[in-house]
Amino acid sequence: MTGPVVTDLAAGRLLVATPLLGDPHFARTVVLLLQHDDEDGALGLVLDRETRTPVGEVLLGWGRLAVGSGHVHEGGPVQPEAAICLGRLVPGGSTGSFSELEGSPGLGTVDLDGDPDALPLEAVRVYAGYAGWSAGQLESEVDDGAWWVLDSLPGDALTPRPDRLREQVLRRQGPPLAFAAVLPDDPTLN
């Protein structure tokens, strides 16, 4: 299934799992690439898998900034005990505790050691773990048809409904890729 798929991998792009991707860590997910280069590989966050743990239970003071349900999200299978925070600055805000994501003005990673009350942030989402690929590994998976590489929109990373993100991203691509938004988990059972 083809569509307006971007061919180059870069920070700020989305990886949307195709029906060919059988790995349970990534099946039916949307991953935001935070970093990609030929030498170090790629690092990203699964955007649409929420846990039942409130952010405020594990990171005091950060819960009030957490968007949506305010729960921690599963960022990926690598180092699930590590926390990565995505945040959106208030318009015109700046801080040394914020590293802007290339190609995504106002969106970036946030240093969780900072004081949440002193940072000019509109919203955050905290992820446990991350997704990682060695050099050339992600390119190989894309070539094998496991991922669609798509442009992101400013609201994707912190959407209030992460459970609907994959469907929304695919639908906005238009046909024929939009049809994948409604495919069942196992098309053979249809």
C-alpha atoms as a PDB file:
ATOM      1  CA  MET A   1       0.000   0.000   0.000  1.00  0.00           C
ATOM      2  CA  THR A   2       1.564   3.256  -1.067  1.00  0.00           C
ATOM      3  CA  GLY A   3       0.710   6.846  -0.407  1.00  0.00           C
ATOM      4  CA  PRO A   4       2.403  10.141   0.419  1.00  0.00           C
ATOM      5  CA  VAL A   5       5.194   8.370   2.284  1.00  0.00           C
ATOM      6  CA  VAL A   6       8.364  10.297   3.014  1.00  0.00           C
ATOM      7  CA  THR A   7      11.464   8.372   2.010  1.00  0.00           C
ATOM      8  CA  ASP A   8      14.094  10.000   4.218  1.00  0.00           C
ATOM      9  CA  LEU A   9      14.350   9.354   7.931  1.00  0.00           C
ATOM     10  CA  ALA A  10      14.891  12.384  10.162  1.00  0.00           C
ATOM     11  CA  ALA A  11      14.184  13.693  13.633  1.00  0.00           C
ATOM     12  CA  GLY A  12      10.594  14.890  13.907  1.00  0.00           C
ATOM     13  CA  ARG A  13       9.209  12.331  11.438  1.00  0.00           C
ATOM     14  CA  LEU A  14       6.705   9.647  12.328  1.00  0.00           C
ATOM     15  CA  LEU A  15       7.104   5.922  11.851  1.00  0.00           C
ATOM     16  CA  VAL A  16       3.737   4.195  11.496  1.00  0.00           C
ATOM     17  CA  ALA A  17       3.797   0.423  11.790  1.00  0.00           C
ATOM     18  CA  THR A  18       2.515  -1.331   8.687  1.00  0.00           C
ATOM     19  CA  PRO A  19       0.478  -4.545   8.876  1.00  0.00           C
ATOM     20  CA  LEU A  20       3.711  -6.407   8.007  1.00  0.00           C
ATOM     21  CA  LEU A  21       5.334  -5.473  11.335  1.00  0.00           C
ATOM     22  CA  GLY A  22       4.733  -8.389  13.665  1.00  0.00           C
ATOM     23  CA  ASP A  23       6.917  -7.365  16.613  1.00  0.00           C
ATOM     24  CA  PRO A  24       4.470  -6.988  19.542  1.00  0.00           C
ATOM     25  CA  HIS A  25       6.488  -4.038  20.896  1.00  0.00           C
ATOM     26  CA  PHE A  26       5.604  -2.035  17.787  1.00  0.00           C
ATOM     27  CA  ALA A  27       2.515  -3.593  16.171  1.00  0.00           C
ATOM     28  CA  ARG A  28      -0.019  -0.871  15.273  1.00  0.00           C
ATOM     29  CA  THR A  29       2.080   1.928  16.791  1.00  0.00           C
ATOM     30  CA  VAL A  30       3.194   5.424  15.887  1.00  0.00           C
ATOM     31  CA  VAL A  31       6.788   6.328  16.764  1.00  0.00           C
ATOM     32  CA  LEU A  32       8.193   9.853  16.800  1.00  0.00           C
ATOM     33  CA  LEU A  33      11.841   9.927  15.737  1.00  0.00           C
ATOM     34  CA  LEU A  34      13.871  12.037  18.153  1.00  0.00           C
ATOM     35  CA  GLN A  35      17.212  11.331  16.528  1.00  0.00           C
ATOM     36  CA  HIS A  36      18.520   9.674  13.372  1.00  0.00           C
ATOM     37  CA  ASP A  37      21.932   9.547  11.787  1.00  0.00           C
ATOM     38  CA  ASP A  38      24.016   7.118   9.747  1.00  0.00           C
ATOM     39  CA  GLU A  39      26.590   6.470  12.475  1.00  0.00           C
ATOM     40  CA  ASP A  40      24.528   6.171  15.670  1.00  0.00           C
ATOM     41  CA  GLY A  41      21.256   4.836  14.269  1.00  0.00           C
ATOM     42  CA  ALA A  42      17.879   6.044  15.470  1.00  0.00           C
ATOM     43  CA  LEU A  43      16.010   6.760  18.682  1.00  0.00           C
ATOM     44  CA  GLY A  44      12.285   7.357  19.019  1.00  0.00           C
ATOM     45  CA  LEU A  45       9.262   7.207  21.277  1.00  0.00           C
ATOM     46  CA  VAL A  46       6.116   5.135  20.840  1.00  0.00           C
ATOM     47  CA  LEU A  47       3.445   7.831  21.082  1.00  0.00           C
ATOM     48  CA  ASP A  48       0.288   5.786  21.436  1.00  0.00           C
ATOM     49  CA  ARG A  49       0.781   3.293  24.299  1.00  0.00           C
ATOM     50  CA  GLU A  50      -0.381   4.547  27.656  1.00  0.00           C
ATOM     51  CA  THR A  51       0.195   2.899  31.047  1.00  0.00           C
ATOM     52  CA  ARG A  52      -2.086   3.137  34.082  1.00  0.00           C
ATOM     53  CA  THR A  53       0.532   4.951  36.153  1.00  0.00           C
ATOM     54  CA  PRO A  54      -0.148   8.647  36.779  1.00  0.00           C
ATOM     55  CA  VAL A  55       2.873  10.881  36.110  1.00  0.00           C
ATOM     56  CA  GLY A  56       2.421  12.513  39.530  1.00  0.00           C
ATOM     57  CA  GLU A  57       2.965   9.177  41.281  1.00  0.00           C
ATOM     58  CA  VAL A  58       6.464   8.743  39.870  1.00  0.00           C
ATOM     59  CA  LEU A  59       7.570  12.352  39.284  1.00  0.00           C
ATOM     60  CA  LEU A  60       6.377  14.779  41.934  1.00  0.00           C
ATOM     61  CA  GLY A  61       5.264  18.118  40.549  1.00  0.00           C
ATOM     62  CA  TRP A  62       5.109  17.007  36.914  1.00  0.00           C
ATOM     63  CA  GLY A  63       1.562  15.608  36.942  1.00  0.00           C
ATOM     64  CA  ARG A  64      -0.110  19.009  36.568  1.00  0.00           C
ATOM     65  CA  LEU A  65       1.621  19.525  33.200  1.00  0.00           C
ATOM     66  CA  ALA A  66       0.849  16.066  31.817  1.00  0.00           C
ATOM     67  CA  VAL A  67      -1.623  16.160  28.910  1.00  0.00           C
ATOM     68  CA  GLY A  68      -4.496  13.790  28.263  1.00  0.00           C
ATOM     69  CA  SER A  69      -5.081  11.347  31.082  1.00  0.00           C
ATOM     70  CA  GLY A  70      -1.838  12.378  32.764  1.00  0.00           C
ATOM     71  CA  HIS A  71      -0.432   8.856  32.692  1.00  0.00           C
ATOM     72  CA  VAL A  72       3.077   7.706  31.846  1.00  0.00           C
ATOM     73  CA  HIS A  73       3.384   6.232  28.342  1.00  0.00           C
ATOM     74  CA  GLU A  74       5.395   3.242  27.141  1.00  0.00           C
ATOM     75  CA  GLY A  75       8.084   4.852  25.010  1.00  0.00           C
ATOM     76  CA  GLY A  76       9.526   1.560  23.819  1.00  0.00           C
ATOM     77  CA  PRO A  77      11.229  -1.627  24.920  1.00  0.00           C
ATOM     78  CA  VAL A  78      14.718  -0.186  25.498  1.00  0.00           C
ATOM     79  CA  GLN A  79      15.514   0.810  29.093  1.00  0.00           C
ATOM     80  CA  PRO A  80      11.900   0.798  30.372  1.00  0.00           C
ATOM     81  CA  GLU A  81      13.139   2.103  33.736  1.00  0.00           C
ATOM     82  CA  ALA A  82      14.411   5.308  32.090  1.00  0.00           C
ATOM     83  CA  ALA A  83      12.123   8.321  31.677  1.00  0.00           C
ATOM     84  CA  ILE A  84      12.080  10.663  28.693  1.00  0.00           C
ATOM     85  CA  CYS A  85       9.868  13.725  28.738  1.00  0.00           C
ATOM     86  CA  LEU A  86       8.473  15.510  25.689  1.00  0.00           C
ATOM     87  CA  GLY A  87       7.215  18.994  26.250  1.00  0.00           C
ATOM     88  CA  ARG A  88       5.822  22.004  24.477  1.00  0.00           C
ATOM     89  CA  LEU A  89       7.085  25.466  25.441  1.00  0.00           C
ATOM     90  CA  VAL A  90       4.694  28.331  25.969  1.00  0.00           C
ATOM     91  CA  PRO A  91       4.894  30.693  22.969  1.00  0.00           C
ATOM     92  CA  GLY A  92       8.069  32.760  23.267  1.00  0.00           C
ATOM     93  CA  GLY A  93       9.399  30.636  26.128  1.00  0.00           C
ATOM     94  CA  SER A  94      12.938  29.355  26.418  1.00  0.00           C
ATOM     95  CA  THR A  95      14.912  27.404  28.970  1.00  0.00           C
ATOM     96  CA  GLY A  96      18.169  25.527  29.299  1.00  0.00           C
ATOM     97  CA  SER A  97      16.209  22.480  30.481  1.00  0.00           C
ATOM     98  CA  PHE A  98      14.649  22.064  27.033  1.00  0.00           C
ATOM     99  CA  SER A  99      16.169  20.610  23.864  1.00  0.00           C
ATOM    100  CA  GLU A 100      14.061  21.459  20.811  1.00  0.00           C
ATOM    101  CA  LEU A 101      13.320  18.647  18.396  1.00  0.00           C
ATOM    102  CA  GLU A 102      14.670  19.417  14.946  1.00  0.00           C
ATOM    103  CA  GLY A 103      11.857  20.343  12.574  1.00  0.00           C
ATOM    104  CA  SER A 104       9.316  20.719  15.410  1.00  0.00           C
ATOM    105  CA  PRO A 105       9.405  24.289  16.779  1.00  0.00           C
ATOM    106  CA  GLY A 106       8.332  24.503  20.411  1.00  0.00           C
ATOM    107  CA  LEU A 107       8.437  20.724  20.911  1.00  0.00           C
ATOM    108  CA  GLY A 108      11.358  18.962  22.518  1.00  0.00           C
ATOM    109  CA  THR A 109      12.751  16.900  25.320  1.00  0.00           C
ATOM    110  CA  VAL A 110      12.674  18.259  28.853  1.00  0.00           C
ATOM    111  CA  ASP A 111      15.181  17.704  31.639  1.00  0.00           C
ATOM    112  CA  LEU A 112      13.140  16.123  34.431  1.00  0.00           C
ATOM    113  CA  ASP A 113      15.673  17.287  37.028  1.00  0.00           C
ATOM    114  CA  GLY A 114      14.402  20.842  36.556  1.00  0.00           C
ATOM    115  CA  ASP A 115      11.665  22.451  38.612  1.00  0.00           C
ATOM    116  CA  PRO A 116       8.392  22.005  36.686  1.00  0.00           C
ATOM    117  CA  ASP A 117       6.971  25.161  38.272  1.00  0.00           C
ATOM    118  CA  ALA A 118       9.894  27.253  36.999  1.00  0.00           C
ATOM    119  CA  LEU A 119       9.834  26.006  33.385  1.00  0.00           C
ATOM    120  CA  PRO A 120       7.796  27.802  30.692  1.00  0.00           C
ATOM    121  CA  LEU A 121       5.966  24.651  29.563  1.00  0.00           C
ATOM    122  CA  GLU A 122       2.395  24.305  28.293  1.00  0.00           C
ATOM    123  CA  ALA A 123       2.281  20.537  28.430  1.00  0.00           C
ATOM    124  CA  VAL A 124       4.401  17.414  28.843  1.00  0.00           C
ATOM    125  CA  ARG A 125       4.151  13.696  28.289  1.00  0.00           C
ATOM    126  CA  VAL A 126       6.453  11.297  30.121  1.00  0.00           C
ATOM    127  CA  TYR A 127       7.629   8.062  28.507  1.00  0.00           C
ATOM    128  CA  ALA A 128       9.104   4.989  30.173  1.00  0.00           C
ATOM    129  CA  GLY A 129      11.741   3.575  27.851  1.00  0.00           C
ATOM    130  CA  TYR A 130      12.363   4.287  24.200  1.00  0.00           C
ATOM    131  CA  ALA A 131      12.733   2.648  20.805  1.00  0.00           C
ATOM    132  CA  GLY A 132      16.229   2.284  19.415  1.00  0.00           C
ATOM    133  CA  TRP A 133      17.813   1.028  16.211  1.00  0.00           C
ATOM    134  CA  SER A 134      21.478   0.488  15.413  1.00  0.00           C
ATOM    135  CA  ALA A 135      23.011   2.103  12.324  1.00  0.00           C
ATOM    136  CA  GLY A 136      21.245   0.829   9.211  1.00  0.00           C
ATOM    137  CA  GLN A 137      18.679  -1.257  11.131  1.00  0.00           C
ATOM    138  CA  LEU A 138      15.737   1.128  10.748  1.00  0.00           C
ATOM    139  CA  GLU A 139      16.532   1.730   7.069  1.00  0.00           C
ATOM    140  CA  SER A 140      16.404  -2.034   6.548  1.00  0.00           C
ATOM    141  CA  GLU A 141      13.031  -2.292   8.328  1.00  0.00           C
ATOM    142  CA  VAL A 142      11.632   0.549   6.197  1.00  0.00           C
ATOM    143  CA  ASP A 143      12.945  -1.130   3.026  1.00  0.00           C
ATOM    144  CA  ASP A 144      11.281  -4.394   4.135  1.00  0.00           C
ATOM    145  CA  GLY A 145       7.921  -2.588   4.406  1.00  0.00           C
ATOM    146  CA  ALA A 146       7.612  -2.646   8.216  1.00  0.00           C
ATOM    147  CA  TRP A 147       7.198   1.134   8.605  1.00  0.00           C
ATOM    148  CA  TRP A 148       5.614   4.014   6.759  1.00  0.00           C
ATOM    149  CA  VAL A 149       7.692   7.172   7.236  1.00  0.00           C
ATOM    150  CA  LEU A 150       5.394  10.192   7.397  1.00  0.00           C
ATOM    151  CA  ASP A 151       5.578  13.861   8.272  1.00  0.00           C
ATOM    152  CA  SER A 152       4.273  14.819  11.688  1.00  0.00           C
ATOM    153  CA  LEU A 153       1.968  17.676  12.592  1.00  0.00           C
ATOM    154  CA  PRO A 154       2.591  19.927  15.625  1.00  0.00           C
ATOM    155  CA  GLY A 155      -0.143  18.315  17.738  1.00  0.00           C
ATOM    156  CA  ASP A 156       0.755  14.670  17.108  1.00  0.00           C
ATOM    157  CA  ALA A 157       3.265  14.160  19.923  1.00  0.00           C
ATOM    158  CA  LEU A 158       1.027  15.536  22.674  1.00  0.00           C
ATOM    159  CA  THR A 159      -2.395  14.647  21.338  1.00  0.00           C
ATOM    160  CA  PRO A 160      -5.032  14.337  24.058  1.00  0.00           C
ATOM    161  CA  ARG A 161      -6.165  11.042  22.452  1.00  0.00           C
ATOM    162  CA  PRO A 162      -3.020   8.987  21.799  1.00  0.00           C
ATOM    163  CA  ASP A 163      -5.181   5.869  21.381  1.00  0.00           C
ATOM    164  CA  ARG A 164      -6.561   7.409  18.156  1.00  0.00           C
ATOM    165  CA  LEU A 165      -3.268   8.774  16.802  1.00  0.00           C
ATOM    166  CA  ARG A 166      -2.463   5.950  14.359  1.00  0.00           C
ATOM    167  CA  GLU A 167      -5.914   6.186  12.788  1.00  0.00           C
ATOM    168  CA  GLN A 168      -5.707   9.988  12.549  1.00  0.00           C
ATOM    169  CA  VAL A 169      -2.237   9.970  10.996  1.00  0.00           C
ATOM    170  CA  LEU A 170      -3.195   7.370   8.390  1.00  0.00           C
ATOM    171  CA  ARG A 171      -6.542   8.994   7.514  1.00  0.00           C
ATOM    172  CA  ARG A 172      -4.961  12.368   6.782  1.00  0.00           C
ATOM    173  CA  GLN A 173      -2.669  10.738   4.169  1.00  0.00           C
ATOM    174  CA  GLY A 174      -5.617  10.147   1.863  1.00  0.00           C
ATOM    175  CA  PRO A 175      -6.170   7.050  -0.266  1.00  0.00           C
ATOM    176  CA  PRO A 176      -4.843   4.474  -0.536  1.00  0.00           C
ATOM    177  CA  LEU A 177      -2.855   4.732   2.725  1.00  0.00           C
ATOM    178  CA  ALA A 178      -5.904   6.002   4.630  1.00  0.00           C
ATOM    179  CA  PHE A 179      -7.568   2.612   4.155  1.00  0.00           C
ATOM    180  CA  ALA A 180      -4.980   1.079   6.503  1.00  0.00           C
ATOM    181  CA  ALA A 181      -6.537   3.081   9.355  1.00  0.00           C
ATOM    182  CA  VAL A 182      -9.484   0.695   9.468  1.00  0.00           C
ATOM    183  CA  LEU A 183      -7.759  -2.628   8.834  1.00  0.00           C
ATOM    184  CA  PRO A 184      -8.490  -5.153  11.600  1.00  0.00           C
ATOM    185  CA  ASP A 185      -5.613  -6.583  13.668  1.00  0.00           C
ATOM    186  CA  ASP A 186      -5.890  -9.848  11.758  1.00  0.00           C
ATOM    187  CA  PRO A 187      -7.426  -9.345   8.284  1.00  0.00           C
ATOM    188  CA  THR A 188      -7.764 -13.130   7.829  1.00  0.00           C
ATOM    189  CA  LEU A 189     -10.475 -13.160  10.520  1.00  0.00           C
ATOM    190  CA  ASN A 190     -12.618 -10.688   8.593  1.00  0.00           C
END
